[in-house]
């Protein structure tokens, strides 16, 4: 029996980088929501803490970071996340507290993943 899996072109190109205190899996021409970045809309932000880069030939793993690797992000918009309700109640004490929170986010588009100044293909 023959099995074929359809893989989108460029699906094996990605980079893992640190942004906003978390690690994200970045692929070219996709958008991501990160914690609020101090940058204007349509500005380009460069991430230098790249942990791993995967291109068509192989994988570059950093110790802890890949030297010469950067990920360029374009700021699309500043948004707010969904509302989260926090409700605390102490039973039998008539103590209740309701609080809400919306996280400040920045939507970014991955423009390119570069290794030594050249975008990966």
PDB file of N, CA and C in Angstrom:
ATOM      1  N   UNK A   1       0.840  -1.162   0.000  1.00  0.00           N
ATOM      2  CA  UNK A   1       0.000   0.000   0.000  1.00  0.00           C
ATOM      3  C   UNK A   1       0.893   1.234   0.000  1.00  0.00           C
ATOM      4  N   UNK A   2       0.553   2.176  -0.840  1.00  0.00           N
ATOM      5  CA  UNK A   2       1.342   3.379  -0.989  1.00  0.00           C
ATOM      6  C   UNK A   2       0.693   4.514  -0.208  1.00  0.00           C
ATOM      7  N   UNK A   3       1.488   5.251   0.539  1.00  0.00           N
ATOM      8  CA  UNK A   3       0.941   6.384   1.270  1.00  0.00           C
ATOM      9  C   UNK A   3       1.674   7.640   0.836  1.00  0.00           C
ATOM     10  N   UNK A   4       0.932   8.650   0.553  1.00  0.00           N
ATOM     11  CA  UNK A   4       1.535   9.920   0.175  1.00  0.00           C
ATOM     12  C   UNK A   4       1.025  10.994   1.119  1.00  0.00           C
ATOM     13  N   UNK A   5       1.944  11.801   1.569  1.00  0.00           N
ATOM     14  CA  UNK A   5       1.557  12.902   2.436  1.00  0.00           C
ATOM     15  C   UNK A   5       1.850  14.190   1.696  1.00  0.00           C
ATOM     16  N   UNK A   6       0.873  15.022   1.611  1.00  0.00           N
ATOM     17  CA  UNK A   6       1.034  16.302   0.940  1.00  0.00           C
ATOM     18  C   UNK A   6       1.630  17.302   1.930  1.00  0.00           C
ATOM     19  N   UNK A   7       2.803  17.795   1.607  1.00  0.00           N
ATOM     20  CA  UNK A   7       3.476  18.771   2.447  1.00  0.00           C
ATOM     21  C   UNK A   7       3.484  20.092   1.695  1.00  0.00           C
ATOM     22  N   UNK A   8       3.035  21.123   2.359  1.00  0.00           N
ATOM     23  CA  UNK A   8       3.013  22.437   1.731  1.00  0.00           C
ATOM     24  C   UNK A   8       4.435  22.894   1.447  1.00  0.00           C
ATOM     25  N   UNK A   9       4.652  23.605   0.329  1.00  0.00           N
ATOM     26  CA  UNK A   9       5.989  24.089   0.040  1.00  0.00           C
ATOM     27  C   UNK A   9       6.460  25.052   1.124  1.00  0.00           C
ATOM     28  N   UNK A  10       7.689  24.868   1.588  1.00  0.00           N
ATOM     29  CA  UNK A  10       8.231  25.710   2.641  1.00  0.00           C
ATOM     30  C   UNK A  10       7.838  25.280   4.041  1.00  0.00           C
ATOM     31  N   UNK A  11       7.129  24.156   4.179  1.00  0.00           N
ATOM     32  CA  UNK A  11       6.694  23.720   5.502  1.00  0.00           C
ATOM     33  C   UNK A  11       7.863  23.220   6.340  1.00  0.00           C
ATOM     34  N   UNK A  12       8.955  22.822   5.689  1.00  0.00           N
ATOM     35  CA  UNK A  12      10.099  22.333   6.449  1.00  0.00           C
ATOM     36  C   UNK A  12      11.094  23.452   6.752  1.00  0.00           C
ATOM     37  N   UNK A  13      10.747  24.708   6.455  1.00  0.00           N
ATOM     38  CA  UNK A  13      11.578  25.847   6.797  1.00  0.00           C
ATOM     39  C   UNK A  13      11.005  26.496   8.048  1.00  0.00           C
ATOM     40  N   UNK A  14      11.785  26.520   9.117  1.00  0.00           N
ATOM     41  CA  UNK A  14      11.307  27.155  10.338  1.00  0.00           C
ATOM     42  C   UNK A  14      12.471  27.508  11.234  1.00  0.00           C
ATOM     43  N   UNK A  15      12.191  28.314  12.219  1.00  0.00           N
ATOM     44  CA  UNK A  15      13.174  28.675  13.223  1.00  0.00           C
ATOM     45  C   UNK A  15      12.487  28.759  14.571  1.00  0.00           C
ATOM     46  N   UNK A  16      13.197  28.381  15.604  1.00  0.00           N
ATOM     47  CA  UNK A  16      12.674  28.477  16.968  1.00  0.00           C
ATOM     48  C   UNK A  16      13.479  29.565  17.665  1.00  0.00           C
ATOM     49  N   UNK A  17      12.769  30.558  18.199  1.00  0.00           N
ATOM     50  CA  UNK A  17      13.442  31.703  18.816  1.00  0.00           C
ATOM     51  C   UNK A  17      12.730  32.096  20.100  1.00  0.00           C
ATOM     52  N   UNK A  18      13.471  32.844  20.934  1.00  0.00           N
ATOM     53  CA  UNK A  18      12.908  33.379  22.166  1.00  0.00           C
ATOM     54  C   UNK A  18      12.338  34.758  21.886  1.00  0.00           C
ATOM     55  N   UNK A  19      11.098  34.958  22.308  1.00  0.00           N
ATOM     56  CA  UNK A  19      10.454  36.267  22.197  1.00  0.00           C
ATOM     57  C   UNK A  19       9.478  36.402  23.352  1.00  0.00           C
ATOM     58  N   UNK A  20       9.506  37.515  24.014  1.00  0.00           N
ATOM     59  CA  UNK A  20       8.590  37.803  25.127  1.00  0.00           C
ATOM     60  C   UNK A  20       8.722  36.774  26.244  1.00  0.00           C
ATOM     61  N   UNK A  21       9.909  36.258  26.455  1.00  0.00           N
ATOM     62  CA  UNK A  21      10.127  35.301  27.537  1.00  0.00           C
ATOM     63  C   UNK A  21       9.633  33.902  27.242  1.00  0.00           C
ATOM     64  N   UNK A  22       9.232  33.634  25.998  1.00  0.00           N
ATOM     65  CA  UNK A  22       8.763  32.311  25.607  1.00  0.00           C
ATOM     66  C   UNK A  22       9.492  31.887  24.339  1.00  0.00           C
ATOM     67  N   UNK A  23       9.380  30.614  23.997  1.00  0.00           N
ATOM     68  CA  UNK A  23       9.963  30.099  22.765  1.00  0.00           C
ATOM     69  C   UNK A  23       8.852  29.875  21.752  1.00  0.00           C
ATOM     70  N   UNK A  24       9.065  30.392  20.535  1.00  0.00           N
ATOM     71  CA  UNK A  24       8.072  30.287  19.476  1.00  0.00           C
ATOM     72  C   UNK A  24       8.665  29.587  18.272  1.00  0.00           C
ATOM     73  N   UNK A  25       7.816  28.861  17.558  1.00  0.00           N
ATOM     74  CA  UNK A  25       8.155  28.165  16.330  1.00  0.00           C
ATOM     75  C   UNK A  25       7.725  29.091  15.197  1.00  0.00           C
ATOM     76  N   UNK A  26       8.687  29.749  14.532  1.00  0.00           N
ATOM     77  CA  UNK A  26       8.392  30.730  13.496  1.00  0.00           C
ATOM     78  C   UNK A  26       8.567  30.113  12.116  1.00  0.00           C
ATOM     79  N   UNK A  27       7.584  30.323  11.238  1.00  0.00           N
ATOM     80  CA  UNK A  27       7.664  29.920   9.839  1.00  0.00           C
ATOM     81  C   UNK A  27       7.485  31.162   8.984  1.00  0.00           C
ATOM     82  N   UNK A  28       8.160  31.244   7.831  1.00  0.00           N
ATOM     83  CA  UNK A  28       8.034  32.433   6.987  1.00  0.00           C
ATOM     84  C   UNK A  28       6.602  32.643   6.503  1.00  0.00           C
ATOM     85  N   UNK A  29       6.219  33.912   6.363  1.00  0.00           N
ATOM     86  CA  UNK A  29       4.915  34.341   5.855  1.00  0.00           C
ATOM     87  C   UNK A  29       3.739  33.865   6.706  1.00  0.00           C
ATOM     88  N   UNK A  30       3.943  33.760   8.016  1.00  0.00           N
ATOM     89  CA  UNK A  30       2.851  33.447   8.945  1.00  0.00           C
ATOM     90  C   UNK A  30       2.837  34.514  10.026  1.00  0.00           C
ATOM     91  N   UNK A  31       1.683  34.729  10.636  1.00  0.00           N
ATOM     92  CA  UNK A  31       1.619  35.726  11.696  1.00  0.00           C
ATOM     93  C   UNK A  31       1.456  35.050  13.053  1.00  0.00           C
ATOM     94  N   UNK A  32       1.944  35.754  14.083  1.00  0.00           N
ATOM     95  CA  UNK A  32       1.924  35.245  15.451  1.00  0.00           C
ATOM     96  C   UNK A  32       1.541  36.388  16.379  1.00  0.00           C
ATOM     97  N   UNK A  33       0.938  36.048  17.507  1.00  0.00           N
ATOM     98  CA  UNK A  33       0.620  37.022  18.540  1.00  0.00           C
ATOM     99  C   UNK A  33       1.606  36.856  19.684  1.00  0.00           C
ATOM    100  N   UNK A  34       2.409  37.904  19.921  1.00  0.00           N
ATOM    101  CA  UNK A  34       3.388  37.909  21.002  1.00  0.00           C
ATOM    102  C   UNK A  34       2.933  38.904  22.056  1.00  0.00           C
ATOM    103  N   UNK A  35       3.539  38.835  23.243  1.00  0.00           N
ATOM    104  CA  UNK A  35       3.270  39.859  24.243  1.00  0.00           C
ATOM    105  C   UNK A  35       3.679  41.211  23.661  1.00  0.00           C
ATOM    106  N   UNK A  36       3.094  42.277  24.189  1.00  0.00           N
ATOM    107  CA  UNK A  36       3.258  43.612  23.617  1.00  0.00           C
ATOM    108  C   UNK A  36       4.735  43.963  23.422  1.00  0.00           C
ATOM    109  N   UNK A  37       5.071  44.385  22.206  1.00  0.00           N
ATOM    110  CA  UNK A  37       6.424  44.809  21.838  1.00  0.00           C
ATOM    111  C   UNK A  37       6.394  46.320  21.671  1.00  0.00           C
ATOM    112  N   UNK A  38       7.416  46.988  22.178  1.00  0.00           N
ATOM    113  CA  UNK A  38       7.491  48.448  22.077  1.00  0.00           C
ATOM    114  C   UNK A  38       7.996  48.828  20.686  1.00  0.00           C
ATOM    115  N   UNK A  39       7.111  48.719  19.695  1.00  0.00           N
ATOM    116  CA  UNK A  39       7.438  49.080  18.319  1.00  0.00           C
ATOM    117  C   UNK A  39       6.169  49.593  17.657  1.00  0.00           C
ATOM    118  N   UNK A  40       6.337  50.456  16.679  1.00  0.00           N
ATOM    119  CA  UNK A  40       5.201  51.011  15.962  1.00  0.00           C
ATOM    120  C   UNK A  40       4.704  50.026  14.907  1.00  0.00           C
ATOM    121  N   UNK A  41       3.469  50.241  14.426  1.00  0.00           N
ATOM    122  CA  UNK A  41       2.903  49.421  13.364  1.00  0.00           C
ATOM    123  C   UNK A  41       3.717  49.650  12.091  1.00  0.00           C
ATOM    124  N   UNK A  42       3.935  48.585  11.312  1.00  0.00           N
ATOM    125  CA  UNK A  42       4.744  48.557  10.077  1.00  0.00           C
ATOM    126  C   UNK A  42       6.234  48.699  10.342  1.00  0.00           C
ATOM    127  N   UNK A  43       6.667  48.616  11.584  1.00  0.00           N
ATOM    128  CA  UNK A  43       8.085  48.645  11.907  1.00  0.00           C
ATOM    129  C   UNK A  43       8.620  47.218  11.865  1.00  0.00           C
ATOM    130  N   UNK A  44       9.909  47.067  11.585  1.00  0.00           N
ATOM    131  CA  UNK A  44      10.541  45.747  11.533  1.00  0.00           C
ATOM    132  C   UNK A  44      11.314  45.500  12.823  1.00  0.00           C
ATOM    133  N   UNK A  45      11.084  44.325  13.419  1.00  0.00           N
ATOM    134  CA  UNK A  45      11.760  43.919  14.648  1.00  0.00           C
ATOM    135  C   UNK A  45      12.618  42.709  14.323  1.00  0.00           C
ATOM    136  N   UNK A  46      13.831  42.666  14.844  1.00  0.00           N
ATOM    137  CA  UNK A  46      14.742  41.556  14.586  1.00  0.00           C
ATOM    138  C   UNK A  46      14.979  40.780  15.875  1.00  0.00           C
ATOM    139  N   UNK A  47      14.740  39.464  15.825  1.00  0.00           N
ATOM    140  CA  UNK A  47      15.016  38.591  16.968  1.00  0.00           C
ATOM    141  C   UNK A  47      16.388  37.948  16.762  1.00  0.00           C
ATOM    142  N   UNK A  48      17.252  38.073  17.761  1.00  0.00           N
ATOM    143  CA  UNK A  48      18.606  37.542  17.644  1.00  0.00           C
ATOM    144  C   UNK A  48      18.798  36.271  18.475  1.00  0.00           C
ATOM    145  N   UNK A  49      17.865  35.975  19.379  1.00  0.00           N
ATOM    146  CA  UNK A  49      17.974  34.784  20.227  1.00  0.00           C
ATOM    147  C   UNK A  49      17.320  33.600  19.526  1.00  0.00           C
ATOM    148  N   UNK A  50      17.981  33.115  18.474  1.00  0.00           N
ATOM    149  CA  UNK A  50      17.461  32.002  17.678  1.00  0.00           C
ATOM    150  C   UNK A  50      18.078  30.717  18.211  1.00  0.00           C
ATOM    151  N   UNK A  51      17.237  29.775  18.600  1.00  0.00           N
ATOM    152  CA  UNK A  51      17.704  28.528  19.206  1.00  0.00           C
ATOM    153  C   UNK A  51      17.942  27.436  18.174  1.00  0.00           C
ATOM    154  N   UNK A  52      17.145  27.436  17.094  1.00  0.00           N
ATOM    155  CA  UNK A  52      17.231  26.366  16.098  1.00  0.00           C
ATOM    156  C   UNK A  52      16.769  26.913  14.754  1.00  0.00           C
ATOM    157  N   UNK A  53      17.436  26.493  13.683  1.00  0.00           N
ATOM    158  CA  UNK A  53      17.029  26.859  12.328  1.00  0.00           C
ATOM    159  C   UNK A  53      16.991  25.585  11.503  1.00  0.00           C
ATOM    160  N   UNK A  54      15.861  25.360  10.818  1.00  0.00           N
ATOM    161  CA  UNK A  54      15.703  24.202   9.942  1.00  0.00           C
ATOM    162  C   UNK A  54      15.478  24.720   8.529  1.00  0.00           C
ATOM    163  N   UNK A  55      16.353  24.308   7.596  1.00  0.00           N
ATOM    164  CA  UNK A  55      16.176  24.676   6.200  1.00  0.00           C
ATOM    165  C   UNK A  55      16.111  23.401   5.367  1.00  0.00           C
ATOM    166  N   UNK A  56      16.160  23.528   4.062  1.00  0.00           N
ATOM    167  CA  UNK A  56      16.032  22.371   3.184  1.00  0.00           C
ATOM    168  C   UNK A  56      17.162  21.361   3.336  1.00  0.00           C
ATOM    169  N   UNK A  57      18.357  21.810   3.741  1.00  0.00           N
ATOM    170  CA  UNK A  57      19.506  20.906   3.836  1.00  0.00           C
ATOM    171  C   UNK A  57      19.625  20.207   5.184  1.00  0.00           C
ATOM    172  N   UNK A  58      19.298  20.899   6.263  1.00  0.00           N
ATOM    173  CA  UNK A  58      19.455  20.268   7.573  1.00  0.00           C
ATOM    174  C   UNK A  58      19.038  21.197   8.687  1.00  0.00           C
ATOM    175  N   UNK A  59      19.462  20.859   9.894  1.00  0.00           N
ATOM    176  CA  UNK A  59      19.079  21.599  11.086  1.00  0.00           C
ATOM    177  C   UNK A  59      20.323  22.173  11.746  1.00  0.00           C
ATOM    178  N   UNK A  60      20.260  23.451  12.129  1.00  0.00           N
ATOM    179  CA  UNK A  60      21.324  24.087  12.897  1.00  0.00           C
ATOM    180  C   UNK A  60      20.807  24.286  14.313  1.00  0.00           C
ATOM    181  N   UNK A  61      21.447  23.643  15.260  1.00  0.00           N
ATOM    182  CA  UNK A  61      21.053  23.743  16.655  1.00  0.00           C
ATOM    183  C   UNK A  61      22.085  24.580  17.388  1.00  0.00           C
ATOM    184  N   UNK A  62      21.630  25.587  18.121  1.00  0.00           N
ATOM    185  CA  UNK A  62      22.544  26.467  18.836  1.00  0.00           C
ATOM    186  C   UNK A  62      22.877  25.953  20.214  1.00  0.00           C
ATOM    187  N   UNK A  63      23.982  26.500  20.759  1.00  0.00           N
ATOM    188  CA  UNK A  63      24.413  26.145  22.117  1.00  0.00           C
ATOM    189  C   UNK A  63      24.679  27.406  22.903  1.00  0.00           C
ATOM    190  N   UNK A  64      23.793  28.170  23.422  1.00  0.00           N
ATOM    191  CA  UNK A  64      22.352  28.005  23.336  1.00  0.00           C
ATOM    192  C   UNK A  64      21.739  28.648  22.094  1.00  0.00           C
ATOM    193  N   UNK A  65      22.458  29.581  21.425  1.00  0.00           N
ATOM    194  CA  UNK A  65      21.886  30.269  20.272  1.00  0.00           C
ATOM    195  C   UNK A  65      22.683  29.964  19.010  1.00  0.00           C
ATOM    196  N   UNK A  66      22.018  30.010  17.861  1.00  0.00           N
ATOM    197  CA  UNK A  66      22.677  29.815  16.575  1.00  0.00           C
ATOM    198  C   UNK A  66      23.383  31.118  16.234  1.00  0.00           C
ATOM    199  N   UNK A  67      24.691  31.054  16.014  1.00  0.00           N
ATOM    200  CA  UNK A  67      25.452  32.274  15.735  1.00  0.00           C
ATOM    201  C   UNK A  67      25.140  32.770  14.324  1.00  0.00           C
ATOM    202  N   UNK A  68      24.869  34.055  14.212  1.00  0.00           N
ATOM    203  CA  UNK A  68      24.590  34.671  12.926  1.00  0.00           C
ATOM    204  C   UNK A  68      23.171  34.496  12.431  1.00  0.00           C
ATOM    205  N   UNK A  69      22.299  33.902  13.217  1.00  0.00           N
ATOM    206  CA  UNK A  69      20.915  33.673  12.791  1.00  0.00           C
ATOM    207  C   UNK A  69      20.004  34.754  13.383  1.00  0.00           C
ATOM    208  N   UNK A  70      19.115  35.276  12.533  1.00  0.00           N
ATOM    209  CA  UNK A  70      18.140  36.270  12.973  1.00  0.00           C
ATOM    210  C   UNK A  70      16.789  35.965  12.336  1.00  0.00           C
ATOM    211  N   UNK A  71      15.742  36.445  12.967  1.00  0.00           N
ATOM    212  CA  UNK A  71      14.393  36.337  12.419  1.00  0.00           C
ATOM    213  C   UNK A  71      13.817  37.746  12.367  1.00  0.00           C
ATOM    214  N   UNK A  72      13.383  38.159  11.172  1.00  0.00           N
ATOM    215  CA  UNK A  72      12.828  39.494  10.989  1.00  0.00           C
ATOM    216  C   UNK A  72      11.309  39.429  11.041  1.00  0.00           C
ATOM    217  N   UNK A  73      10.727  40.262  11.901  1.00  0.00           N
ATOM    218  CA  UNK A  73       9.285  40.315  12.086  1.00  0.00           C
ATOM    219  C   UNK A  73       8.781  41.706  11.725  1.00  0.00           C
ATOM    220  N   UNK A  74       7.634  41.774  11.079  1.00  0.00           N
ATOM    221  CA  UNK A  74       6.991  43.057  10.783  1.00  0.00           C
ATOM    222  C   UNK A  74       5.768  43.190  11.685  1.00  0.00           C
ATOM    223  N   UNK A  75       5.685  44.301  12.409  1.00  0.00           N
ATOM    224  CA  UNK A  75       4.570  44.536  13.328  1.00  0.00           C
ATOM    225  C   UNK A  75       3.334  44.878  12.500  1.00  0.00           C
ATOM    226  N   UNK A  76       2.281  44.060  12.641  1.00  0.00           N
ATOM    227  CA  UNK A  76       1.046  44.283  11.892  1.00  0.00           C
ATOM    228  C   UNK A  76       0.053  45.126  12.683  1.00  0.00           C
ATOM    229  N   UNK A  77      -0.126  44.825  13.966  1.00  0.00           N
ATOM    230  CA  UNK A  77      -1.110  45.543  14.774  1.00  0.00           C
ATOM    231  C   UNK A  77      -0.846  45.268  16.253  1.00  0.00           C
ATOM    232  N   UNK A  78      -1.380  46.167  17.070  1.00  0.00           N
ATOM    233  CA  UNK A  78      -1.392  45.953  18.516  1.00  0.00           C
ATOM    234  C   UNK A  78      -2.825  45.588  18.890  1.00  0.00           C
ATOM    235  N   UNK A  79      -2.975  44.494  19.628  1.00  0.00           N
ATOM    236  CA  UNK A  79      -4.300  43.968  19.940  1.00  0.00           C
ATOM    237  C   UNK A  79      -4.396  43.668  21.428  1.00  0.00           C
ATOM    238  N   UNK A  80      -5.553  43.156  21.811  1.00  0.00           N
ATOM    239  CA  UNK A  80      -5.754  42.666  23.167  1.00  0.00           C
ATOM    240  C   UNK A  80      -6.334  41.265  23.071  1.00  0.00           C
ATOM    241  N   UNK A  81      -5.892  40.406  23.955  1.00  0.00           N
ATOM    242  CA  UNK A  81      -6.332  39.018  23.949  1.00  0.00           C
ATOM    243  C   UNK A  81      -7.739  38.872  24.504  1.00  0.00           C
ATOM    244  N   UNK A  82      -8.206  37.645  24.591  1.00  0.00           N
ATOM    245  CA  UNK A  82      -9.552  37.415  25.127  1.00  0.00           C
ATOM    246  C   UNK A  82      -9.611  37.727  26.620  1.00  0.00           C
ATOM    247  N   UNK A  83     -10.809  38.083  27.081  1.00  0.00           N
ATOM    248  CA  UNK A  83     -10.989  38.411  28.487  1.00  0.00           C
ATOM    249  C   UNK A  83     -10.982  37.132  29.318  1.00  0.00           C
ATOM    250  N   UNK A  84     -10.227  37.167  30.381  1.00  0.00           N
ATOM    251  CA  UNK A  84     -10.142  36.040  31.308  1.00  0.00           C
ATOM    252  C   UNK A  84     -10.710  36.507  32.644  1.00  0.00           C
ATOM    253  N   UNK A  85     -11.661  35.753  33.189  1.00  0.00           N
ATOM    254  CA  UNK A  85     -12.255  36.089  34.472  1.00  0.00           C
ATOM    255  C   UNK A  85     -11.584  35.290  35.583  1.00  0.00           C
ATOM    256  N   UNK A  86     -11.244  36.002  36.641  1.00  0.00           N
ATOM    257  CA  UNK A  86     -10.651  35.374  37.820  1.00  0.00           C
ATOM    258  C   UNK A  86     -11.633  35.579  38.958  1.00  0.00           C
ATOM    259  N   UNK A  87     -12.147  34.487  39.523  1.00  0.00           N
ATOM    260  CA  UNK A  87     -13.153  34.561  40.587  1.00  0.00           C
ATOM    261  C   UNK A  87     -12.625  33.802  41.790  1.00  0.00           C
ATOM    262  N   UNK A  88     -12.494  34.503  42.896  1.00  0.00           N
ATOM    263  CA  UNK A  88     -12.016  33.879  44.119  1.00  0.00           C
ATOM    264  C   UNK A  88     -13.116  33.960  45.168  1.00  0.00           C
ATOM    265  N   UNK A  89     -13.332  32.851  45.844  1.00  0.00           N
ATOM    266  CA  UNK A  89     -14.383  32.807  46.855  1.00  0.00           C
ATOM    267  C   UNK A  89     -13.895  31.975  48.036  1.00  0.00           C
ATOM    268  N   UNK A  90     -14.110  32.485  49.215  1.00  0.00           N
ATOM    269  CA  UNK A  90     -13.806  31.715  50.421  1.00  0.00           C
ATOM    270  C   UNK A  90     -15.121  31.204  50.974  1.00  0.00           C
ATOM    271  N   UNK A  91     -15.292  29.909  51.020  1.00  0.00           N
ATOM    272  CA  UNK A  91     -16.577  29.379  51.472  1.00  0.00           C
ATOM    273  C   UNK A  91     -16.846  29.723  52.947  1.00  0.00           C
ATOM    274  N   UNK A  92     -18.118  29.969  53.240  1.00  0.00           N
ATOM    275  CA  UNK A  92     -18.622  30.235  54.587  1.00  0.00           C
ATOM    276  C   UNK A  92     -18.085  31.537  55.182  1.00  0.00           C
ATOM    277  N   UNK A  93     -17.453  32.387  54.388  1.00  0.00           N
ATOM    278  CA  UNK A  93     -16.903  33.635  54.913  1.00  0.00           C
ATOM    279  C   UNK A  93     -17.529  34.870  54.258  1.00  0.00           C
ATOM    280  N   UNK A  94     -18.417  34.655  53.274  1.00  0.00           N
ATOM    281  CA  UNK A  94     -19.032  35.756  52.532  1.00  0.00           C
ATOM    282  C   UNK A  94     -17.982  36.650  51.880  1.00  0.00           C
ATOM    283  N   UNK A  95     -16.919  36.035  51.411  1.00  0.00           N
ATOM    284  CA  UNK A  95     -15.858  36.770  50.733  1.00  0.00           C
ATOM    285  C   UNK A  95     -15.806  36.312  49.287  1.00  0.00           C
ATOM    286  N   UNK A  96     -16.019  37.255  48.389  1.00  0.00           N
ATOM    287  CA  UNK A  96     -15.962  36.954  46.963  1.00  0.00           C
ATOM    288  C   UNK A  96     -15.210  38.084  46.272  1.00  0.00           C
ATOM    289  N   UNK A  97     -14.423  37.713  45.248  1.00  0.00           N
ATOM    290  CA  UNK A  97     -13.716  38.729  44.479  1.00  0.00           C
ATOM    291  C   UNK A  97     -13.699  38.317  43.017  1.00  0.00           C
ATOM    292  N   UNK A  98     -14.172  39.186  42.168  1.00  0.00           N
ATOM    293  CA  UNK A  98     -14.201  38.916  40.736  1.00  0.00           C
ATOM    294  C   UNK A  98     -13.289  39.929  40.052  1.00  0.00           C
ATOM    295  N   UNK A  99     -12.400  39.409  39.215  1.00  0.00           N
ATOM    296  CA  UNK A  99     -11.433  40.258  38.553  1.00  0.00           C
ATOM    297  C   UNK A  99     -11.327  39.826  37.096  1.00  0.00           C
ATOM    298  N   UNK A 100     -11.050  40.741  36.190  1.00  0.00           N
ATOM    299  CA  UNK A 100     -10.893  40.418  34.781  1.00  0.00           C
ATOM    300  C   UNK A 100      -9.523  40.844  34.285  1.00  0.00           C
ATOM    301  N   UNK A 101      -9.090  40.208  33.200  1.00  0.00           N
ATOM    302  CA  UNK A 101      -7.780  40.531  32.633  1.00  0.00           C
ATOM    303  C   UNK A 101      -7.809  40.319  31.127  1.00  0.00           C
ATOM    304  N   UNK A 102      -7.206  41.248  30.389  1.00  0.00           N
ATOM    305  CA  UNK A 102      -6.999  41.082  28.948  1.00  0.00           C
ATOM    306  C   UNK A 102      -5.532  41.359  28.667  1.00  0.00           C
ATOM    307  N   UNK A 103      -4.856  40.394  28.063  1.00  0.00           N
ATOM    308  CA  UNK A 103      -3.430  40.519  27.793  1.00  0.00           C
ATOM    309  C   UNK A 103      -3.195  41.451  26.603  1.00  0.00           C
ATOM    310  N   UNK A 104      -2.204  42.326  26.725  1.00  0.00           N
ATOM    311  CA  UNK A 104      -1.803  43.209  25.635  1.00  0.00           C
ATOM    312  C   UNK A 104      -0.914  42.416  24.682  1.00  0.00           C
ATOM    313  N   UNK A 105      -1.289  42.357  23.400  1.00  0.00           N
ATOM    314  CA  UNK A 105      -0.576  41.544  22.416  1.00  0.00           C
ATOM    315  C   UNK A 105      -0.126  42.394  21.229  1.00  0.00           C
ATOM    316  N   UNK A 106       0.871  41.885  20.516  1.00  0.00           N
ATOM    317  CA  UNK A 106       1.309  42.471  19.262  1.00  0.00           C
ATOM    318  C   UNK A 106       1.277  41.379  18.211  1.00  0.00           C
ATOM    319  N   UNK A 107       0.574  41.628  17.100  1.00  0.00           N
ATOM    320  CA  UNK A 107       0.529  40.662  15.998  1.00  0.00           C
ATOM    321  C   UNK A 107       1.672  40.982  15.046  1.00  0.00           C
ATOM    322  N   UNK A 108       2.519  39.974  14.784  1.00  0.00           N
ATOM    323  CA  UNK A 108       3.671  40.157  13.907  1.00  0.00           C
ATOM    324  C   UNK A 108       3.626  39.141  12.769  1.00  0.00           C
ATOM    325  N   UNK A 109       4.196  39.536  11.630  1.00  0.00           N
ATOM    326  CA  UNK A 109       4.321  38.661  10.462  1.00  0.00           C
ATOM    327  C   UNK A 109       5.802  38.346  10.283  1.00  0.00           C
ATOM    328  N   UNK A 110       6.133  37.081  10.079  1.00  0.00           N
ATOM    329  CA  UNK A 110       7.522  36.680   9.863  1.00  0.00           C
ATOM    330  C   UNK A 110       7.884  37.002   8.421  1.00  0.00           C
ATOM    331  N   UNK A 111       8.844  37.925   8.257  1.00  0.00           N
ATOM    332  CA  UNK A 111       9.268  38.292   6.911  1.00  0.00           C
ATOM    333  C   UNK A 111      10.338  37.340   6.395  1.00  0.00           C
ATOM    334  N   UNK A 112      11.347  37.072   7.221  1.00  0.00           N
ATOM    335  CA  UNK A 112      12.412  36.180   6.763  1.00  0.00           C
ATOM    336  C   UNK A 112      13.153  35.595   7.952  1.00  0.00           C
ATOM    337  N   UNK A 113      13.764  34.446   7.707  1.00  0.00           N
ATOM    338  CA  UNK A 113      14.657  33.802   8.667  1.00  0.00           C
ATOM    339  C   UNK A 113      16.030  33.799   8.009  1.00  0.00           C
ATOM    340  N   UNK A 114      16.995  34.473   8.633  1.00  0.00           N
ATOM    341  CA  UNK A 114      18.307  34.654   8.035  1.00  0.00           C
ATOM    342  C   UNK A 114      19.362  33.876   8.818  1.00  0.00           C
ATOM    343  N   UNK A 115      20.321  33.323   8.078  1.00  0.00           N
ATOM    344  CA  UNK A 115      21.494  32.705   8.666  1.00  0.00           C
ATOM    345  C   UNK A 115      22.704  33.348   8.003  1.00  0.00           C
ATOM    346  N   UNK A 116      23.554  34.011   8.793  1.00  0.00           N
ATOM    347  CA  UNK A 116      24.717  34.731   8.299  1.00  0.00           C
ATOM    348  C   UNK A 116      24.344  35.757   7.230  1.00  0.00           C
ATOM    349  N   UNK A 117      23.216  36.449   7.434  1.00  0.00           N
ATOM    350  CA  UNK A 117      22.802  37.509   6.536  1.00  0.00           C
ATOM    351  C   UNK A 117      22.055  37.075   5.300  1.00  0.00           C
ATOM    352  N   UNK A 118      21.913  35.764   5.065  1.00  0.00           N
ATOM    353  CA  UNK A 118      21.205  35.270   3.884  1.00  0.00           C
ATOM    354  C   UNK A 118      19.926  34.583   4.303  1.00  0.00           C
ATOM    355  N   UNK A 119      18.787  34.903   3.646  1.00  0.00           N
ATOM    356  CA  UNK A 119      17.542  34.208   3.995  1.00  0.00           C
ATOM    357  C   UNK A 119      17.604  32.744   3.585  1.00  0.00           C
ATOM    358  N   UNK A 120      16.990  31.879   4.418  1.00  0.00           N
ATOM    359  CA  UNK A 120      16.961  30.463   4.081  1.00  0.00           C
ATOM    360  C   UNK A 120      15.892  30.223   3.037  1.00  0.00           C
ATOM    361  N   UNK A 121      16.148  29.267   2.157  1.00  0.00           N
ATOM    362  CA  UNK A 121      15.196  28.944   1.081  1.00  0.00           C
ATOM    363  C   UNK A 121      14.701  27.533   1.226  1.00  0.00           C
TER     364      UNK A 121
END
